[in-house]
C-alpha cells in the first residue's frame, strides 16, 4: 500500500530535520550549479520566480540561486503572502534588495510593490518530496498550487529538492505537476 500525502509529509519533514547544516549547504550549492547549467542551456529564459528559504525548515538555500540569476542579469521575482486571502502576490526583486523575515519565517524584501506575474517564464517551487512523475508534496497549505493555477500554464515549473524522487505520490485534480526537479545529484525532466 502506498503511503498517504500526510504520511509522506511527516516522513520528509523528519528526514529534513536530520540534515546537518553542512549537508544542506553542500546540497544547495549543487542545486545552484544545476540552475547555472539550466540557464546556460536556455538563454531565452529571462524572468524567474524564486522562493526564499525558511531556515528553520531547512529549505534549499535559494539565495545561492539568486546569486546565479543576478550574475546572468535575469529578472527576478518572488512572492509575499496576502494577509486577507491566503494568496501569494508577486513582487520584483532588485539586485540590492534587503530581506526581512515575515511572520512565517519567509525572507521577503523589506520594501516592495505588487506587480503582475505575466512576464514570469520559470517558477522555482518549494517541496518536501517529489515523485518520478513530477508530483510533489508541499506543506499542505496549497499556496503554490493556487499560485501556479493563476499563471500561464506554459511557465516552466522547477522543483528544488535535497532528496531524490520517490516512486509515487498520490495526486488530486488541483495538483499541478512539475516540469523539472533539481536535486544535488540529478536533473529530472518530467514528460507531460
N, C-alpha and C. Protein backbone atom coordinates (compact mmCIF):
# COMPACT_ATOMS: atom_id res chain seq x y z
N UNK A 1 0.84 -1.19 0.00
CA UNK A 1 0.00 0.00 0.00
C UNK A 1 0.88 1.25 0.00
N UNK A 2 0.51 2.22 -0.83
CA UNK A 2 1.28 3.45 -0.91
C UNK A 2 0.97 4.36 0.28
N UNK A 3 1.99 5.04 0.80
CA UNK A 3 1.74 5.96 1.91
C UNK A 3 0.91 7.16 1.46
N UNK A 4 0.16 7.74 2.38
CA UNK A 4 -0.66 8.92 2.09
C UNK A 4 0.23 10.16 2.02
N UNK A 5 -0.34 11.24 1.49
CA UNK A 5 0.39 12.51 1.47
C UNK A 5 0.76 12.93 2.89
N UNK A 6 -0.17 12.75 3.82
CA UNK A 6 0.09 13.14 5.21
C UNK A 6 1.27 12.36 5.78
N UNK A 7 1.31 11.04 5.51
CA UNK A 7 2.42 10.20 5.99
C UNK A 7 3.74 10.64 5.36
N UNK A 8 3.72 10.91 4.06
CA UNK A 8 4.94 11.34 3.37
C UNK A 8 5.41 12.70 3.88
N UNK A 9 4.47 13.57 4.18
CA UNK A 9 4.81 14.90 4.71
C UNK A 9 5.56 14.76 6.03
N UNK A 10 5.05 13.91 6.91
CA UNK A 10 5.70 13.68 8.21
C UNK A 10 7.08 13.07 8.00
N UNK A 11 7.17 12.07 7.14
CA UNK A 11 8.44 11.38 6.88
C UNK A 11 9.50 12.35 6.36
N UNK A 12 9.14 13.18 5.38
CA UNK A 12 10.14 14.05 4.77
C UNK A 12 10.48 15.26 5.64
N UNK A 13 9.55 15.70 6.47
CA UNK A 13 9.90 16.74 7.44
C UNK A 13 10.95 16.20 8.41
N UNK A 14 10.77 14.94 8.83
CA UNK A 14 11.73 14.33 9.75
C UNK A 14 13.09 14.13 9.06
N UNK A 15 13.06 13.65 7.80
CA UNK A 15 14.32 13.48 7.06
C UNK A 15 15.07 14.81 6.94
N UNK A 16 14.30 15.86 6.67
CA UNK A 16 14.93 17.17 6.52
C UNK A 16 15.50 17.66 7.85
N UNK A 17 14.77 17.41 8.94
CA UNK A 17 15.25 17.80 10.27
C UNK A 17 16.58 17.14 10.60
N UNK A 18 16.81 15.94 10.06
CA UNK A 18 18.03 15.20 10.36
C UNK A 18 19.23 15.66 9.53
N UNK A 19 18.99 16.51 8.54
CA UNK A 19 20.11 17.03 7.74
C UNK A 19 21.01 17.90 8.61
N UNK A 20 22.32 17.78 8.42
CA UNK A 20 23.22 18.72 9.07
C UNK A 20 23.25 20.00 8.23
N UNK A 21 23.70 21.08 8.83
CA UNK A 21 23.80 22.35 8.09
C UNK A 21 24.77 22.19 6.92
N UNK A 22 25.82 21.42 7.13
CA UNK A 22 26.80 21.18 6.07
C UNK A 22 26.18 20.42 4.89
N UNK A 23 25.39 19.39 5.18
CA UNK A 23 24.72 18.62 4.12
C UNK A 23 23.76 19.53 3.33
N UNK A 24 23.03 20.35 4.05
CA UNK A 24 22.08 21.26 3.41
C UNK A 24 22.81 22.26 2.52
N UNK A 25 23.90 22.82 3.02
CA UNK A 25 24.63 23.83 2.25
C UNK A 25 25.29 23.22 1.02
N UNK A 26 25.90 22.04 1.19
CA UNK A 26 26.54 21.39 0.03
C UNK A 26 25.50 20.99 -1.01
N UNK A 27 24.36 20.48 -0.56
CA UNK A 27 23.28 20.14 -1.49
C UNK A 27 22.76 21.38 -2.20
N UNK A 28 22.62 22.46 -1.47
CA UNK A 28 22.14 23.72 -2.06
C UNK A 28 23.13 24.24 -3.10
N UNK A 29 24.42 24.11 -2.84
CA UNK A 29 25.44 24.55 -3.81
C UNK A 29 25.34 23.74 -5.10
N UNK A 30 25.11 22.44 -4.98
CA UNK A 30 24.99 21.59 -6.18
C UNK A 30 23.72 21.94 -6.97
N UNK A 31 22.65 22.24 -6.26
CA UNK A 31 21.41 22.64 -6.94
C UNK A 31 21.61 23.97 -7.64
N UNK A 32 22.31 24.91 -7.02
CA UNK A 32 22.59 26.20 -7.66
C UNK A 32 23.42 26.00 -8.93
N UNK A 33 24.33 25.04 -8.90
CA UNK A 33 25.13 24.72 -10.09
C UNK A 33 24.22 24.17 -11.20
N UNK A 34 23.24 23.34 -10.83
CA UNK A 34 22.28 22.82 -11.81
C UNK A 34 21.49 23.95 -12.44
N UNK A 35 21.13 24.95 -11.62
CA UNK A 35 20.41 26.12 -12.15
C UNK A 35 21.31 26.87 -13.12
N UNK A 36 22.57 27.02 -12.78
CA UNK A 36 23.53 27.68 -13.68
C UNK A 36 23.58 26.95 -15.02
N UNK A 37 23.67 25.63 -14.99
CA UNK A 37 23.71 24.84 -16.22
C UNK A 37 22.42 24.99 -17.02
N UNK A 38 21.29 25.00 -16.32
CA UNK A 38 19.99 25.17 -16.96
C UNK A 38 19.92 26.52 -17.67
N UNK A 39 20.40 27.57 -17.02
CA UNK A 39 20.41 28.91 -17.62
C UNK A 39 21.29 28.94 -18.87
N UNK A 40 22.40 28.22 -18.80
CA UNK A 40 23.30 28.17 -19.95
C UNK A 40 22.62 27.50 -21.14
N UNK A 41 21.84 26.45 -20.86
CA UNK A 41 21.15 25.72 -21.92
C UNK A 41 19.91 26.46 -22.43
N UNK A 42 19.41 27.41 -21.65
CA UNK A 42 18.17 28.13 -22.01
C UNK A 42 18.36 29.65 -21.89
N UNK A 43 19.22 30.22 -22.75
CA UNK A 43 19.46 31.67 -22.66
C UNK A 43 18.22 32.51 -22.98
N UNK A 44 17.22 31.90 -23.62
CA UNK A 44 16.00 32.63 -23.96
C UNK A 44 15.14 32.94 -22.73
N UNK A 45 15.39 32.27 -21.62
CA UNK A 45 14.60 32.48 -20.40
C UNK A 45 15.19 33.63 -19.60
N UNK A 46 14.38 34.64 -19.34
CA UNK A 46 14.86 35.86 -18.68
C UNK A 46 14.17 36.17 -17.36
N UNK A 47 12.96 35.65 -17.14
CA UNK A 47 12.14 36.05 -15.99
C UNK A 47 11.89 34.85 -15.08
N UNK A 48 12.48 34.91 -13.87
CA UNK A 48 12.47 33.78 -12.93
C UNK A 48 11.80 34.16 -11.61
N UNK A 49 10.91 33.30 -11.15
CA UNK A 49 10.26 33.48 -9.85
C UNK A 49 10.94 32.51 -8.87
N UNK A 50 11.40 33.05 -7.75
CA UNK A 50 12.18 32.26 -6.80
C UNK A 50 11.59 32.39 -5.39
N UNK A 51 11.46 31.27 -4.71
CA UNK A 51 11.09 31.33 -3.29
C UNK A 51 12.38 31.49 -2.48
N UNK A 52 12.26 32.08 -1.31
CA UNK A 52 13.43 32.22 -0.44
C UNK A 52 13.23 31.32 0.78
N UNK A 53 14.32 30.76 1.31
CA UNK A 53 14.23 29.63 2.25
C UNK A 53 13.82 30.01 3.67
N UNK A 54 12.97 29.16 4.22
CA UNK A 54 12.64 29.24 5.64
C UNK A 54 13.72 28.42 6.36
N UNK A 55 14.63 29.12 7.02
CA UNK A 55 15.81 28.44 7.60
C UNK A 55 15.43 27.35 8.59
N UNK A 56 14.45 27.63 9.46
CA UNK A 56 14.11 26.64 10.49
C UNK A 56 13.54 25.35 9.89
N UNK A 57 13.08 25.41 8.63
CA UNK A 57 12.55 24.22 7.96
C UNK A 57 13.59 23.54 7.06
N UNK A 58 14.81 24.08 7.09
CA UNK A 58 15.93 23.53 6.32
C UNK A 58 15.60 23.39 4.83
N UNK A 59 15.05 24.48 4.27
CA UNK A 59 14.78 24.50 2.84
C UNK A 59 16.08 24.77 2.07
N UNK A 60 16.09 24.38 0.81
CA UNK A 60 17.23 24.65 -0.07
C UNK A 60 17.58 26.14 0.02
N UNK A 61 18.87 26.43 0.16
CA UNK A 61 19.32 27.83 0.25
C UNK A 61 19.25 28.47 -1.14
N UNK A 62 18.13 29.10 -1.43
CA UNK A 62 17.92 29.69 -2.75
C UNK A 62 18.59 31.04 -2.91
N UNK A 63 19.20 31.57 -1.86
CA UNK A 63 19.99 32.80 -2.03
C UNK A 63 21.16 32.52 -2.98
N UNK A 64 21.64 31.27 -3.01
CA UNK A 64 22.70 30.89 -3.95
C UNK A 64 22.19 30.96 -5.38
N UNK A 65 20.93 30.60 -5.58
CA UNK A 65 20.32 30.67 -6.91
C UNK A 65 20.11 32.13 -7.30
N UNK A 66 19.69 32.94 -6.34
CA UNK A 66 19.56 34.38 -6.63
C UNK A 66 20.89 34.92 -7.15
N UNK A 67 22.00 34.53 -6.52
CA UNK A 67 23.32 34.99 -6.98
C UNK A 67 23.58 34.58 -8.42
N UNK A 68 23.24 33.33 -8.75
CA UNK A 68 23.43 32.83 -10.13
C UNK A 68 22.61 33.68 -11.11
N UNK A 69 21.34 33.90 -10.78
CA UNK A 69 20.45 34.63 -11.69
C UNK A 69 20.87 36.09 -11.82
N UNK A 70 21.31 36.69 -10.74
CA UNK A 70 21.77 38.08 -10.81
C UNK A 70 23.04 38.20 -11.65
N UNK A 71 23.96 37.26 -11.49
CA UNK A 71 25.18 37.28 -12.31
C UNK A 71 24.85 37.22 -13.80
N UNK A 72 23.77 36.53 -14.12
CA UNK A 72 23.36 36.35 -15.51
C UNK A 72 22.37 37.42 -15.96
N UNK A 73 22.19 38.43 -15.12
CA UNK A 73 21.30 39.56 -15.43
C UNK A 73 19.86 39.15 -15.75
N UNK A 74 19.38 38.14 -15.03
CA UNK A 74 17.99 37.72 -15.17
C UNK A 74 17.10 38.63 -14.32
N UNK A 75 15.84 38.74 -14.70
CA UNK A 75 14.87 39.47 -13.90
C UNK A 75 14.28 38.49 -12.89
N UNK A 76 14.28 38.91 -11.63
CA UNK A 76 13.92 38.01 -10.54
C UNK A 76 12.68 38.49 -9.82
N UNK A 77 11.80 37.54 -9.51
CA UNK A 77 10.56 37.82 -8.80
C UNK A 77 10.47 36.88 -7.60
N UNK A 78 9.67 37.26 -6.63
CA UNK A 78 9.32 36.37 -5.54
C UNK A 78 7.88 36.68 -5.16
N UNK A 79 7.41 36.04 -4.10
CA UNK A 79 6.03 36.27 -3.66
C UNK A 79 5.98 36.65 -2.20
N UNK A 80 4.92 37.35 -1.86
CA UNK A 80 4.61 37.63 -0.46
C UNK A 80 3.19 37.13 -0.23
N UNK A 81 2.92 36.77 1.01
CA UNK A 81 1.59 36.29 1.37
C UNK A 81 0.67 37.48 1.59
N UNK A 82 -0.53 37.36 1.07
CA UNK A 82 -1.55 38.36 1.33
C UNK A 82 -2.20 38.04 2.67
N UNK A 83 -2.35 39.04 3.52
CA UNK A 83 -2.98 38.81 4.82
C UNK A 83 -4.46 38.50 4.68
N UNK A 84 -5.06 38.97 3.60
CA UNK A 84 -6.51 38.90 3.51
C UNK A 84 -7.05 37.58 2.93
N UNK A 85 -6.34 36.98 1.96
CA UNK A 85 -6.97 35.84 1.29
C UNK A 85 -6.08 34.62 1.09
N UNK A 86 -5.01 34.51 1.83
CA UNK A 86 -4.12 33.34 1.70
C UNK A 86 -3.59 33.14 0.28
N UNK A 87 -3.47 34.22 -0.48
CA UNK A 87 -2.93 34.13 -1.83
C UNK A 87 -1.53 34.72 -1.84
N UNK A 88 -0.76 34.35 -2.84
CA UNK A 88 0.59 34.88 -2.98
C UNK A 88 0.57 36.01 -4.01
N UNK A 89 1.12 37.16 -3.63
CA UNK A 89 1.27 38.28 -4.55
C UNK A 89 2.69 38.31 -5.08
N UNK A 90 2.86 38.70 -6.33
CA UNK A 90 4.17 38.71 -6.98
C UNK A 90 4.84 40.06 -6.82
N UNK A 91 6.15 40.03 -6.55
CA UNK A 91 6.94 41.25 -6.44
C UNK A 91 8.26 41.08 -7.19
N UNK A 92 8.80 42.19 -7.64
CA UNK A 92 10.10 42.21 -8.31
C UNK A 92 11.19 42.27 -7.25
N UNK A 93 12.28 41.53 -7.48
CA UNK A 93 13.42 41.55 -6.56
C UNK A 93 14.56 42.29 -7.26
N UNK A 94 14.94 43.42 -6.70
CA UNK A 94 16.04 44.21 -7.25
C UNK A 94 17.37 43.63 -6.76
N UNK A 95 18.47 44.04 -7.39
CA UNK A 95 19.78 43.48 -7.04
C UNK A 95 20.20 43.77 -5.60
N UNK A 96 19.88 44.92 -5.09
CA UNK A 96 20.34 45.25 -3.73
C UNK A 96 19.18 45.17 -2.72
N UNK A 97 18.22 44.33 -3.00
CA UNK A 97 17.06 44.20 -2.13
C UNK A 97 17.48 43.72 -0.74
N UNK A 98 16.96 44.38 0.29
CA UNK A 98 17.16 43.94 1.68
C UNK A 98 16.00 43.03 2.05
N UNK A 99 16.31 41.94 2.76
CA UNK A 99 15.29 40.98 3.15
C UNK A 99 15.05 41.02 4.66
N UNK A 100 13.80 40.78 5.04
CA UNK A 100 13.42 40.59 6.44
C UNK A 100 12.53 39.34 6.48
N UNK A 101 12.43 38.72 7.64
CA UNK A 101 11.56 37.54 7.75
C UNK A 101 10.14 37.97 8.07
N UNK A 102 9.17 37.36 7.34
CA UNK A 102 7.76 37.65 7.65
C UNK A 102 7.32 36.77 8.83
N UNK A 103 6.02 36.78 9.13
CA UNK A 103 5.52 36.05 10.31
C UNK A 103 5.68 34.54 10.18
N UNK A 104 5.92 34.04 8.95
CA UNK A 104 6.12 32.60 8.75
C UNK A 104 7.60 32.20 8.74
N UNK A 105 8.48 33.20 8.85
CA UNK A 105 9.91 32.92 8.76
C UNK A 105 10.42 32.95 7.33
N UNK A 106 9.60 33.44 6.40
CA UNK A 106 9.99 33.52 4.99
C UNK A 106 10.71 34.84 4.75
N UNK A 107 11.92 34.80 4.18
CA UNK A 107 12.60 36.06 3.83
C UNK A 107 11.84 36.77 2.71
N UNK A 108 11.46 38.01 2.95
CA UNK A 108 10.77 38.82 1.94
C UNK A 108 11.48 40.17 1.85
N UNK A 109 11.41 40.81 0.68
CA UNK A 109 12.02 42.13 0.57
C UNK A 109 11.40 43.11 1.57
N UNK A 110 12.25 43.94 2.14
CA UNK A 110 11.79 44.94 3.14
C UNK A 110 10.78 45.89 2.50
N UNK A 111 11.11 46.38 1.32
CA UNK A 111 10.23 47.29 0.60
C UNK A 111 9.84 46.64 -0.72
N UNK A 112 8.57 46.68 -1.05
CA UNK A 112 8.15 46.06 -2.30
C UNK A 112 6.84 46.65 -2.79
N UNK A 113 6.58 46.35 -4.05
CA UNK A 113 5.35 46.75 -4.70
C UNK A 113 4.83 45.53 -5.45
N UNK A 114 3.54 45.21 -5.31
CA UNK A 114 2.96 44.08 -6.03
C UNK A 114 2.89 44.39 -7.51
N UNK A 115 3.21 43.36 -8.33
CA UNK A 115 3.16 43.53 -9.78
C UNK A 115 2.46 42.31 -10.39
N UNK A 116 2.18 42.38 -11.66
CA UNK A 116 1.56 41.26 -12.37
C UNK A 116 2.61 40.18 -12.63
N UNK A 117 2.23 38.90 -12.50
CA UNK A 117 3.19 37.82 -12.78
C UNK A 117 3.27 37.43 -14.25
N UNK A 118 2.68 38.21 -15.14
CA UNK A 118 2.52 37.78 -16.53
C UNK A 118 3.84 37.57 -17.28
N UNK A 119 4.94 38.21 -16.86
CA UNK A 119 6.20 38.03 -17.58
C UNK A 119 7.00 36.80 -17.12
N UNK A 120 6.61 36.21 -16.02
CA UNK A 120 7.37 35.08 -15.46
C UNK A 120 7.40 33.92 -16.46
N UNK A 121 8.61 33.38 -16.64
CA UNK A 121 8.81 32.24 -17.54
C UNK A 121 9.15 30.96 -16.79
N UNK A 122 9.74 31.11 -15.61
CA UNK A 122 10.17 29.96 -14.80
C UNK A 122 9.79 30.22 -13.35
N UNK A 123 9.21 29.20 -12.70
CA UNK A 123 8.93 29.29 -11.27
C UNK A 123 9.68 28.15 -10.57
N UNK A 124 10.51 28.51 -9.58
CA UNK A 124 11.13 27.50 -8.72
C UNK A 124 10.15 27.22 -7.58
N UNK A 125 9.86 25.94 -7.38
CA UNK A 125 8.80 25.54 -6.46
C UNK A 125 9.39 24.81 -5.26
N UNK A 126 9.02 25.24 -4.05
CA UNK A 126 9.48 24.51 -2.86
C UNK A 126 8.71 23.21 -2.71
N UNK A 127 9.32 22.24 -2.05
CA UNK A 127 8.64 20.97 -1.85
C UNK A 127 9.32 20.19 -0.73
N UNK A 128 8.59 19.22 -0.21
CA UNK A 128 9.16 18.27 0.75
C UNK A 128 9.62 17.01 0.04
N UNK A 129 8.82 16.56 -0.94
CA UNK A 129 9.14 15.34 -1.69
C UNK A 129 8.57 15.46 -3.09
N UNK A 130 9.16 14.70 -4.02
CA UNK A 130 8.71 14.67 -5.41
C UNK A 130 8.76 13.22 -5.87
N UNK A 131 7.89 12.87 -6.84
CA UNK A 131 7.97 11.52 -7.39
C UNK A 131 8.46 11.57 -8.84
N UNK A 132 8.59 10.40 -9.46
CA UNK A 132 9.16 10.32 -10.80
C UNK A 132 8.21 10.82 -11.89
N UNK A 133 6.99 11.19 -11.53
CA UNK A 133 6.05 11.76 -12.49
C UNK A 133 5.96 13.29 -12.36
N UNK A 134 6.70 13.86 -11.40
CA UNK A 134 6.68 15.30 -11.21
C UNK A 134 5.62 15.78 -10.22
N UNK A 135 4.95 14.84 -9.54
CA UNK A 135 4.02 15.23 -8.48
C UNK A 135 4.84 15.56 -7.24
N UNK A 136 4.41 16.55 -6.49
CA UNK A 136 5.17 16.97 -5.31
C UNK A 136 4.28 17.05 -4.09
N UNK A 137 4.93 17.06 -2.95
CA UNK A 137 4.25 17.33 -1.68
C UNK A 137 4.88 18.57 -1.10
N UNK A 138 4.04 19.54 -0.79
CA UNK A 138 4.48 20.74 -0.09
C UNK A 138 4.08 20.62 1.36
N UNK A 139 3.84 21.76 1.98
CA UNK A 139 3.48 21.75 3.40
C UNK A 139 2.00 21.54 3.64
N UNK A 140 1.22 21.43 2.58
CA UNK A 140 -0.19 21.10 2.73
C UNK A 140 -1.14 22.28 2.74
N UNK A 141 -0.63 23.48 2.55
CA UNK A 141 -1.49 24.66 2.58
C UNK A 141 -2.00 25.02 1.18
N UNK A 142 -1.36 24.51 0.13
CA UNK A 142 -1.82 24.74 -1.23
C UNK A 142 -1.46 26.08 -1.84
N UNK A 143 -0.58 26.85 -1.19
CA UNK A 143 -0.24 28.17 -1.70
C UNK A 143 0.30 28.12 -3.13
N UNK A 144 1.26 27.22 -3.36
CA UNK A 144 1.88 27.17 -4.69
C UNK A 144 0.93 26.60 -5.73
N UNK A 145 0.10 25.62 -5.37
CA UNK A 145 -0.87 25.11 -6.34
C UNK A 145 -1.82 26.22 -6.77
N UNK A 146 -2.27 27.03 -5.83
CA UNK A 146 -3.17 28.15 -6.18
C UNK A 146 -2.44 29.19 -7.03
N UNK A 147 -1.19 29.49 -6.66
CA UNK A 147 -0.40 30.46 -7.43
C UNK A 147 -0.16 29.94 -8.85
N UNK A 148 0.26 28.69 -8.98
CA UNK A 148 0.55 28.13 -10.31
C UNK A 148 -0.71 28.08 -11.18
N UNK A 149 -1.86 27.91 -10.56
CA UNK A 149 -3.12 27.88 -11.32
C UNK A 149 -3.47 29.24 -11.90
N UNK A 150 -2.87 30.32 -11.37
CA UNK A 150 -3.21 31.67 -11.85
C UNK A 150 -2.28 32.17 -12.95
N UNK A 151 -1.19 31.45 -13.20
CA UNK A 151 -0.23 31.93 -14.21
C UNK A 151 -0.33 31.08 -15.48
N UNK A 152 0.31 31.54 -16.52
CA UNK A 152 0.28 30.85 -17.81
C UNK A 152 0.73 29.40 -17.64
N UNK A 153 -0.04 28.44 -18.14
CA UNK A 153 0.35 27.02 -17.99
C UNK A 153 1.68 26.68 -18.66
N UNK A 154 2.13 27.53 -19.60
CA UNK A 154 3.41 27.27 -20.27
C UNK A 154 4.62 27.63 -19.41
N UNK A 155 4.40 28.32 -18.29
CA UNK A 155 5.50 28.67 -17.40
C UNK A 155 6.17 27.37 -16.94
N UNK A 156 7.49 27.36 -16.96
CA UNK A 156 8.26 26.17 -16.56
C UNK A 156 8.30 26.10 -15.03
N UNK A 157 7.91 24.94 -14.50
CA UNK A 157 7.86 24.73 -13.05
C UNK A 157 8.99 23.79 -12.65
N UNK A 158 9.90 24.31 -11.82
CA UNK A 158 11.08 23.54 -11.42
C UNK A 158 11.06 23.35 -9.91
N UNK A 159 10.99 22.11 -9.47
CA UNK A 159 11.09 21.80 -8.05
C UNK A 159 12.55 21.75 -7.62
N UNK A 160 12.79 22.09 -6.37
CA UNK A 160 14.14 22.03 -5.80
C UNK A 160 14.08 21.10 -4.59
N UNK A 161 14.86 20.02 -4.62
CA UNK A 161 14.78 19.03 -3.56
C UNK A 161 16.16 18.53 -3.15
N UNK A 162 16.38 18.50 -1.86
CA UNK A 162 17.62 17.92 -1.33
C UNK A 162 17.61 16.40 -1.52
N UNK A 163 16.40 15.82 -1.58
CA UNK A 163 16.26 14.37 -1.69
C UNK A 163 15.88 13.96 -3.11
N UNK A 164 16.25 12.73 -3.47
CA UNK A 164 15.90 12.18 -4.77
C UNK A 164 14.41 11.84 -4.80
N UNK A 165 13.81 11.72 -6.00
CA UNK A 165 12.39 11.39 -6.09
C UNK A 165 12.07 10.02 -5.49
N UNK A 166 10.81 9.88 -5.12
CA UNK A 166 10.29 8.60 -4.63
C UNK A 166 9.38 8.04 -5.73
N UNK A 167 9.02 6.75 -5.64
CA UNK A 167 8.24 6.16 -6.74
C UNK A 167 6.88 6.80 -7.00
N UNK A 168 6.13 7.13 -5.94
CA UNK A 168 4.76 7.60 -6.20
C UNK A 168 4.27 8.51 -5.08
N UNK A 169 3.61 9.60 -5.51
CA UNK A 169 2.91 10.49 -4.59
C UNK A 169 1.46 10.56 -5.07
N UNK A 170 0.51 10.31 -4.19
CA UNK A 170 -0.89 10.42 -4.61
C UNK A 170 -1.17 11.84 -5.08
N UNK A 171 -1.94 11.96 -6.16
CA UNK A 171 -2.25 13.31 -6.66
C UNK A 171 -3.75 13.53 -6.71
N UNK A 172 -4.10 14.81 -6.67
CA UNK A 172 -5.51 15.22 -6.73
C UNK A 172 -5.68 16.14 -7.92
N UNK A 173 -6.93 16.41 -8.28
CA UNK A 173 -7.21 17.16 -9.51
C UNK A 173 -6.59 18.55 -9.52
N UNK A 174 -6.44 19.17 -8.35
CA UNK A 174 -5.89 20.53 -8.30
C UNK A 174 -4.37 20.56 -8.25
N UNK A 175 -3.71 19.42 -8.10
CA UNK A 175 -2.25 19.38 -8.07
C UNK A 175 -1.68 19.69 -9.45
N UNK A 176 -0.68 20.54 -9.48
CA UNK A 176 -0.03 20.92 -10.74
C UNK A 176 1.36 20.29 -10.75
N UNK A 177 1.62 19.36 -11.67
CA UNK A 177 2.92 18.69 -11.68
C UNK A 177 4.05 19.61 -12.13
N UNK A 178 5.24 19.24 -11.74
CA UNK A 178 6.45 19.96 -12.12
C UNK A 178 6.88 19.57 -13.53
N UNK A 179 7.66 20.44 -14.16
CA UNK A 179 8.29 20.12 -15.44
C UNK A 179 9.69 19.54 -15.23
N UNK A 180 10.36 20.03 -14.17
CA UNK A 180 11.71 19.59 -13.83
C UNK A 180 11.83 19.51 -12.31
N UNK A 181 12.84 18.78 -11.85
CA UNK A 181 13.25 18.87 -10.45
C UNK A 181 14.77 18.77 -10.41
N UNK A 182 15.40 19.69 -9.69
CA UNK A 182 16.84 19.67 -9.50
C UNK A 182 17.12 19.17 -8.09
N UNK A 183 18.00 18.17 -8.00
CA UNK A 183 18.47 17.65 -6.72
C UNK A 183 19.99 17.81 -6.71
N UNK A 184 20.65 17.55 -5.58
CA UNK A 184 22.12 17.65 -5.59
C UNK A 184 22.79 16.67 -6.57
N UNK A 185 22.09 15.58 -6.93
CA UNK A 185 22.70 14.57 -7.78
C UNK A 185 22.21 14.57 -9.23
N UNK A 186 20.99 15.05 -9.46
CA UNK A 186 20.37 14.88 -10.77
C UNK A 186 19.49 16.05 -11.17
N UNK A 187 19.22 16.11 -12.49
CA UNK A 187 18.17 16.98 -13.00
C UNK A 187 17.14 16.06 -13.64
N UNK A 188 15.91 16.11 -13.13
CA UNK A 188 14.83 15.26 -13.66
C UNK A 188 13.95 16.09 -14.58
N UNK A 189 13.61 15.52 -15.73
CA UNK A 189 12.67 16.15 -16.66
C UNK A 189 11.45 15.26 -16.70
N UNK A 190 10.29 15.84 -16.44
CA UNK A 190 9.06 15.07 -16.38
C UNK A 190 8.28 15.29 -17.68
N UNK A 191 7.91 14.21 -18.34
CA UNK A 191 7.14 14.34 -19.59
C UNK A 191 5.68 14.56 -19.24
N UNK A 192 5.02 15.27 -20.10
CA UNK A 192 3.58 15.59 -19.90
C UNK A 192 2.73 14.51 -20.50
